[in-house]
Amino acid sequence: MNESDKVRFLPVPERQDGQRLDNFLLRELKGLPRSRIYRLIRRGEVRVNRGRCKPETRLSQGDQVRVPPYAGRRATPAGAPAEKLKLRLQDRVLFENEDLLVLNKPPGMSVHGGSGVALGLIEALRQTRSEWMEAELAHRLDKDTSGCLVIAKQVAFLRHMQAELRKGAVEKKYLALVHGAWPEELDMIDAPLRKNQLSSGERIVRADADGKRARTWFSVRERLPGASLLEVTLETGRTHQIRVHCQTAGHAVIGDSKYGQNGGNSPFIQHKYLALHAWRIAFRPAPNAEILRFEAPDDRFFSGLLAALRESGPVAGRINQ
């Protein structure tokens, strides 16, 4: 009998203490689509200590997670990273010690497998170096977003970082290149966000008064022909927060195929790459420790578009430098 054809009770090990239920299942069910995992949880087929739960439920060491039979569509086995990818990831390490590493995530790569993705960044890292075999994501970035991504190598750091994120003690700054002239006076958007799932299984986020609190701060770094370069600071960390707030303002992020419908007649409406880069992150690696700050160089597609715009006409002008 295949593992997917019977009920299992999975104990939560120490290294996954404090992890969200959905992330736990994504790892344990090896490539099962995220939409399928969420459906199992919503139906009450997944239980924690025999009780109903939510995707965001935090697990504790020793908890028992009931996983129901999920015969039908089989999970996609995790792939093996090519040597070229291993080298690429190693070249993108910005910092590493025994507790953590900070990576300059490439665009176009999911941070974990699932939903048809056989190999995510975290699965590739675990197969790249022996000391990364137990690595866990401390937070996430969208597939098409590049920049600073923190990876936990030790359970104690993972728990600490998750607690810091929950209380808003981690500074996260982004660079976003958006369509059109961003209004100088629009320095903050406070609009609750709500996740929705389409019939196709795709997740979409909308501004909704009944959603979760979401606040984003903006400052214009540079005005360019047909575009604005923004420095963006997250006060909360909701899914797709920057992208949806920019869409709400009428200035979608260039290259955003999901939320970029309001690009209008912008010459960048068909730009292939999402112009959103996690530029800086700052956090305490342990209670009472000195704050660590990291900055990730722009991805070549982002910096290439900026360079082309700066050379294209006299409208471009740097400000707030």
Protein backbone atom coordinates (compact mmCIF):
# COMPACT_ATOMS: atom_id res chain seq x y z
CA MET A 1 0.00 0.00 0.00
CA ASN A 2 1.30 3.44 -0.94
CA GLU A 3 1.85 5.96 1.87
CA SER A 4 -0.76 8.23 0.27
CA ASP A 5 -3.45 5.50 0.57
CA LYS A 6 -3.61 5.31 4.38
CA VAL A 7 -4.08 7.56 7.41
CA ARG A 8 -0.80 8.57 9.05
CA PHE A 9 0.00 10.32 12.31
CA LEU A 10 3.17 12.38 11.94
CA PRO A 11 5.01 13.53 15.07
CA VAL A 12 6.44 17.05 14.97
CA PRO A 13 10.22 16.89 15.54
CA GLU A 14 12.22 19.52 17.41
CA ARG A 15 13.53 21.13 14.22
CA GLN A 16 9.94 21.91 13.14
CA ASP A 17 8.74 23.25 16.49
CA GLY A 18 6.95 26.54 15.84
CA GLN A 19 6.45 25.88 12.12
CA ARG A 20 3.14 26.62 10.41
CA LEU A 21 1.00 23.59 9.61
CA ASP A 22 0.88 24.33 5.87
CA ASN A 23 4.67 24.54 5.65
CA PHE A 24 5.02 21.31 7.66
CA LEU A 25 2.70 19.50 5.24
CA LEU A 26 4.39 20.93 2.16
CA ARG A 27 7.61 19.30 3.32
CA GLU A 28 6.11 16.03 4.54
CA LEU A 29 3.82 15.45 1.56
CA LYS A 30 6.61 16.00 -0.96
CA GLY A 31 5.27 18.12 -3.77
CA LEU A 32 1.53 17.77 -3.15
CA PRO A 33 -0.04 20.95 -4.59
CA ARG A 34 -0.60 23.70 -2.04
CA SER A 35 -4.24 24.01 -3.13
CA ARG A 36 -4.77 20.31 -2.33
CA ILE A 37 -3.17 20.70 1.12
CA TYR A 38 -5.39 23.68 1.95
CA ARG A 39 -8.46 21.74 0.85
CA LEU A 40 -7.58 18.82 3.15
CA ILE A 41 -7.17 21.23 6.08
CA ARG A 42 -10.44 23.10 5.36
CA ARG A 43 -12.40 19.85 5.24
CA GLY A 44 -11.07 18.85 8.65
CA GLU A 45 -9.25 15.82 7.23
CA VAL A 46 -5.94 17.10 8.62
CA ARG A 47 -5.97 17.30 12.42
CA VAL A 48 -3.46 18.37 15.05
CA ASN A 49 -3.72 16.36 18.28
CA ARG A 50 -7.13 15.18 16.99
CA GLY A 51 -8.46 18.74 16.80
CA ARG A 52 -9.44 20.86 13.80
CA CYS A 53 -6.83 23.36 12.68
CA LYS A 54 -6.00 26.09 10.19
CA PRO A 55 -3.13 26.43 7.71
CA GLU A 56 -1.47 29.03 9.95
CA THR A 57 -1.66 26.84 13.08
CA ARG A 58 1.75 26.81 14.81
CA LEU A 59 3.01 23.34 15.66
CA SER A 60 4.89 22.30 18.80
CA GLN A 61 7.42 19.54 19.23
CA GLY A 62 5.59 16.30 19.97
CA ASP A 63 2.29 17.31 18.33
CA GLN A 64 0.62 14.59 16.28
CA VAL A 65 -0.52 15.64 12.81
CA ARG A 66 -3.16 13.42 11.23
CA VAL A 67 -2.69 13.11 7.48
CA PRO A 68 -5.62 11.48 5.63
CA PRO A 69 -5.39 9.29 2.54
CA TYR A 70 -4.83 11.50 -0.46
CA ALA A 71 -5.00 8.99 -3.29
CA GLY A 72 -5.75 10.41 -6.70
CA ARG A 73 -3.41 13.04 -7.99
CA ARG A 74 0.01 11.90 -6.85
CA ALA A 75 2.56 14.19 -5.33
CA THR A 76 5.37 15.25 -7.61
CA PRO A 77 8.64 13.78 -6.35
CA ALA A 78 11.20 16.37 -5.36
CA GLY A 79 13.78 16.79 -8.09
CA ALA A 80 17.54 16.91 -7.77
CA PRO A 81 19.25 20.26 -8.42
CA ALA A 82 21.69 20.47 -11.31
CA GLU A 83 25.30 21.32 -10.43
CA LYS A 84 24.83 24.68 -12.14
CA LEU A 85 21.96 25.53 -9.80
CA LYS A 86 23.95 24.43 -6.74
CA LEU A 87 26.79 26.73 -7.73
CA ARG A 88 24.37 29.56 -8.43
CA LEU A 89 22.81 29.29 -4.99
CA GLN A 90 26.18 29.12 -3.27
CA ASP A 91 27.30 32.24 -5.14
CA ARG A 92 24.22 34.07 -3.84
CA VAL A 93 24.95 33.57 -0.14
CA LEU A 94 25.30 37.02 1.46
CA PHE A 95 26.06 35.76 4.97
CA GLU A 96 26.36 32.49 6.85
CA ASN A 97 27.11 31.33 10.36
CA GLU A 98 26.22 28.20 12.34
CA ASP A 99 22.63 29.40 12.91
CA LEU A 100 21.50 30.93 9.64
CA LEU A 101 22.27 32.02 6.14
CA VAL A 102 21.04 34.98 4.15
CA LEU A 103 20.59 34.43 0.43
CA ASN A 104 20.05 36.79 -2.49
CA LYS A 105 17.15 34.83 -3.95
CA PRO A 106 17.01 34.70 -7.74
CA PRO A 107 13.73 35.71 -9.42
CA GLY A 108 11.56 33.05 -10.99
CA MET A 109 12.28 30.37 -8.37
CA SER A 110 9.68 29.25 -5.83
CA VAL A 111 10.96 29.14 -2.27
CA HIS A 112 9.51 25.62 -1.85
CA GLY A 113 8.08 22.84 -4.01
CA GLY A 114 4.36 22.18 -4.48
CA SER A 115 1.57 23.08 -6.90
CA GLY A 116 3.42 21.45 -9.79
CA VAL A 117 6.86 22.69 -8.69
CA ALA A 118 9.05 19.63 -8.11
CA LEU A 119 12.03 21.56 -6.80
CA GLY A 120 11.89 24.75 -4.79
CA LEU A 121 14.77 26.79 -3.44
CA ILE A 122 14.69 25.19 0.03
CA GLU A 123 14.68 21.65 -1.42
CA ALA A 124 17.61 22.58 -3.65
CA LEU A 125 19.55 24.06 -0.72
CA ARG A 126 19.09 20.89 1.33
CA GLN A 127 20.76 18.93 -1.46
CA THR A 128 23.58 21.41 -2.07
CA ARG A 129 25.64 21.15 1.14
CA SER A 130 25.57 18.63 3.98
CA GLU A 131 25.32 21.42 6.59
CA TRP A 132 22.17 22.69 4.85
CA MET A 133 20.28 19.35 4.98
CA GLU A 134 17.97 20.53 7.78
CA ALA A 135 17.55 24.10 6.50
CA GLU A 136 14.13 25.73 6.94
CA LEU A 137 12.64 28.93 5.53
CA ALA A 138 12.50 31.66 8.18
CA HIS A 139 10.11 33.64 5.94
CA ARG A 140 9.03 33.69 2.29
CA LEU A 141 9.38 35.67 -0.89
CA ASP A 142 7.11 35.37 -3.92
CA LYS A 143 8.41 33.23 -6.76
CA ASP A 144 9.17 36.21 -8.99
CA THR A 145 10.61 38.46 -6.25
CA SER A 146 14.39 38.58 -5.86
CA GLY A 147 16.49 39.60 -2.87
CA CYS A 148 17.14 38.95 0.82
CA LEU A 149 15.85 35.62 2.08
CA VAL A 150 16.72 34.31 5.56
CA ILE A 151 17.22 30.57 6.02
CA ALA A 152 17.39 28.89 9.44
CA LYS A 153 20.00 26.21 10.06
CA GLN A 154 19.19 25.74 13.75
CA VAL A 155 15.84 25.22 15.47
CA ALA A 156 16.53 27.88 18.11
CA PHE A 157 17.11 30.55 15.47
CA LEU A 158 14.00 29.51 13.52
CA ARG A 159 11.81 29.88 16.62
CA HIS A 160 13.40 33.23 17.46
CA MET A 161 13.02 34.59 13.90
CA GLN A 162 9.38 33.52 13.69
CA ALA A 163 8.67 35.28 16.99
CA GLU A 164 10.44 38.44 15.75
CA LEU A 165 8.38 38.40 12.55
CA ARG A 166 5.13 37.98 14.46
CA LYS A 167 5.82 41.02 16.62
CA GLY A 168 7.01 43.15 13.68
CA ALA A 169 10.61 43.41 14.86
CA VAL A 170 12.16 42.54 11.48
CA GLU A 171 12.84 45.45 9.12
CA LYS A 172 12.11 44.58 5.49
CA LYS A 173 12.70 47.08 2.68
CA TYR A 174 12.07 46.56 -1.02
CA LEU A 175 12.73 48.34 -4.28
CA ALA A 176 9.76 48.39 -6.64
CA LEU A 177 9.62 49.76 -10.16
CA VAL A 178 6.01 50.72 -10.87
CA HIS A 179 4.02 52.00 -13.84
CA GLY A 180 3.57 55.74 -14.14
CA ALA A 181 4.25 58.70 -11.85
CA TRP A 182 3.70 57.70 -8.22
CA PRO A 183 2.16 60.64 -6.29
CA GLU A 184 4.73 62.25 -4.00
CA GLU A 185 2.17 62.67 -1.23
CA LEU A 186 1.20 58.98 -1.22
CA ASP A 187 3.61 57.74 1.41
CA MET A 188 1.46 55.08 3.10
CA ILE A 189 -1.30 52.63 2.19
CA ASP A 190 -3.32 51.06 4.98
CA ALA A 191 -5.72 48.63 3.29
CA PRO A 192 -6.74 45.24 4.74
CA LEU A 193 -6.05 42.28 2.47
CA ARG A 194 -7.97 39.07 2.03
CA LYS A 195 -6.89 35.87 0.28
CA ASN A 196 -9.28 34.24 -2.17
CA GLN A 197 -8.95 31.01 -4.11
CA LEU A 198 -10.18 30.78 -7.67
CA SER A 199 -11.87 27.67 -9.06
CA SER A 200 -8.55 26.85 -10.76
CA GLY A 201 -6.89 26.64 -7.35
CA GLU A 202 -4.91 29.85 -7.93
CA ARG A 203 -4.66 32.15 -4.91
CA ILE A 204 -5.47 35.82 -5.41
CA VAL A 205 -5.32 38.62 -2.84
CA ARG A 206 -7.70 41.59 -2.81
CA ALA A 207 -8.08 44.73 -0.74
CA ASP A 208 -11.09 43.97 1.48
CA ALA A 209 -12.41 45.69 4.60
CA ASP A 210 -12.94 42.23 6.13
CA GLY A 211 -9.35 41.16 5.45
CA LYS A 212 -6.27 41.20 7.65
CA ARG A 213 -4.59 44.48 8.54
CA ALA A 214 -1.91 45.48 6.02
CA ARG A 215 0.17 48.65 6.01
CA THR A 216 2.93 49.62 3.56
CA TRP A 217 5.14 52.73 3.45
CA PHE A 218 6.40 54.23 0.18
CA SER A 219 8.96 56.85 -0.83
CA VAL A 220 9.91 57.84 -4.37
CA ARG A 221 13.59 57.21 -5.03
CA GLU A 222 13.69 58.12 -8.68
CA ARG A 223 11.36 59.29 -11.43
CA LEU A 224 11.92 57.66 -14.81
CA PRO A 225 10.20 57.83 -18.21
CA GLY A 226 6.85 56.10 -17.68
CA ALA A 227 7.84 54.65 -14.34
CA SER A 228 8.76 55.37 -10.70
CA LEU A 229 11.36 53.64 -8.57
CA LEU A 230 10.03 53.25 -5.03
CA GLU A 231 11.59 52.31 -1.73
CA VAL A 232 8.99 50.25 0.09
CA THR A 233 8.87 49.35 3.78
CA LEU A 234 6.58 46.64 5.08
CA GLU A 235 4.94 47.27 8.43
CA THR A 236 2.98 44.01 8.11
CA GLY A 237 3.85 40.96 6.02
CA ARG A 238 0.79 39.75 4.14
CA THR A 239 0.87 37.63 1.01
CA HIS A 240 1.41 39.78 -2.12
CA GLN A 241 1.08 42.91 0.05
CA ILE A 242 3.28 45.28 -1.96
CA ARG A 243 1.89 44.10 -5.27
CA VAL A 244 -1.75 44.52 -4.24
CA HIS A 245 -1.21 47.88 -2.55
CA CYS A 246 0.56 49.19 -5.67
CA GLN A 247 -2.33 47.91 -7.80
CA THR A 248 -4.78 49.62 -5.43
CA ALA A 249 -2.92 52.91 -5.93
CA GLY A 250 -3.23 52.55 -9.72
CA HIS A 251 0.52 52.00 -10.20
CA ALA A 252 1.10 48.26 -10.48
CA VAL A 253 4.59 46.79 -10.26
CA ILE A 254 6.12 46.40 -13.71
CA GLY A 255 6.12 42.78 -14.85
CA ASP A 256 3.30 41.74 -12.49
CA SER A 257 1.18 39.36 -14.56
CA LYS A 258 -1.25 38.73 -11.69
CA TYR A 259 -1.92 42.25 -10.41
CA GLY A 260 -0.63 44.37 -13.26
CA GLN A 261 -3.83 44.96 -15.23
CA ASN A 262 -3.77 48.70 -14.47
CA GLY A 263 -0.57 49.30 -16.38
CA GLY A 264 -2.72 50.97 -19.04
CA ASN A 265 -0.75 51.99 -22.09
CA SER A 266 2.59 51.73 -20.30
CA PRO A 267 5.42 50.59 -22.59
CA PHE A 268 6.36 48.02 -19.92
CA ILE A 269 3.00 46.23 -19.84
CA GLN A 270 4.52 43.05 -21.33
CA HIS A 271 7.77 43.16 -19.38
CA LYS A 272 8.67 39.58 -18.50
CA TYR A 273 10.21 39.98 -15.05
CA LEU A 274 8.62 41.28 -11.86
CA ALA A 275 10.43 44.48 -10.89
CA LEU A 276 10.29 43.85 -7.15
CA HIS A 277 13.45 43.28 -5.13
CA ALA A 278 13.85 42.58 -1.40
CA TRP A 279 16.66 45.07 -1.02
CA ARG A 280 17.35 45.10 2.73
CA ILE A 281 16.56 43.07 5.84
CA ALA A 282 17.55 43.78 9.45
CA PHE A 283 16.91 41.63 12.52
CA ARG A 284 18.35 40.46 15.83
CA PRO A 285 19.70 36.90 15.43
CA ALA A 286 19.03 36.21 19.12
CA PRO A 287 17.43 38.05 22.06
CA ASN A 288 19.56 41.05 23.12
CA ALA A 289 21.97 40.51 20.22
CA GLU A 290 23.18 43.33 17.99
CA ILE A 291 21.00 43.95 14.93
CA LEU A 292 22.32 42.41 11.71
CA ARG A 293 21.67 44.29 8.45
CA PHE A 294 21.98 42.87 4.95
CA GLU A 295 21.51 44.33 1.49
CA ALA A 296 21.14 42.32 -1.71
CA PRO A 297 22.47 43.65 -5.04
CA ASP A 298 19.77 44.20 -7.65
CA ASP A 299 19.04 41.27 -9.89
CA ARG A 300 20.45 41.73 -13.40
CA PHE A 301 16.98 42.00 -14.98
CA PHE A 302 15.92 44.69 -12.52
CA SER A 303 19.16 46.64 -12.82
CA GLY A 304 19.14 46.22 -16.60
CA LEU A 305 15.67 47.76 -16.89
CA LEU A 306 16.70 50.63 -14.62
CA ALA A 307 19.80 51.30 -16.71
CA ALA A 308 17.76 51.32 -19.92
CA LEU A 309 15.26 53.77 -18.45
CA ARG A 310 17.96 56.09 -17.16
CA GLU A 311 19.43 56.28 -20.62
CA SER A 312 16.12 56.77 -22.42
CA GLY A 313 15.34 60.41 -21.77
CA PRO A 314 15.56 63.60 -19.71
CA VAL A 315 12.51 62.79 -17.55
CA ALA A 316 14.61 60.54 -15.35
CA GLY A 317 15.80 62.19 -12.17
CA ARG A 318 17.08 60.86 -8.88
CA ILE A 319 15.61 62.18 -5.66
CA ASN A 320 15.83 61.34 -1.97
CA GLN A 321 19.46 60.25 -2.29
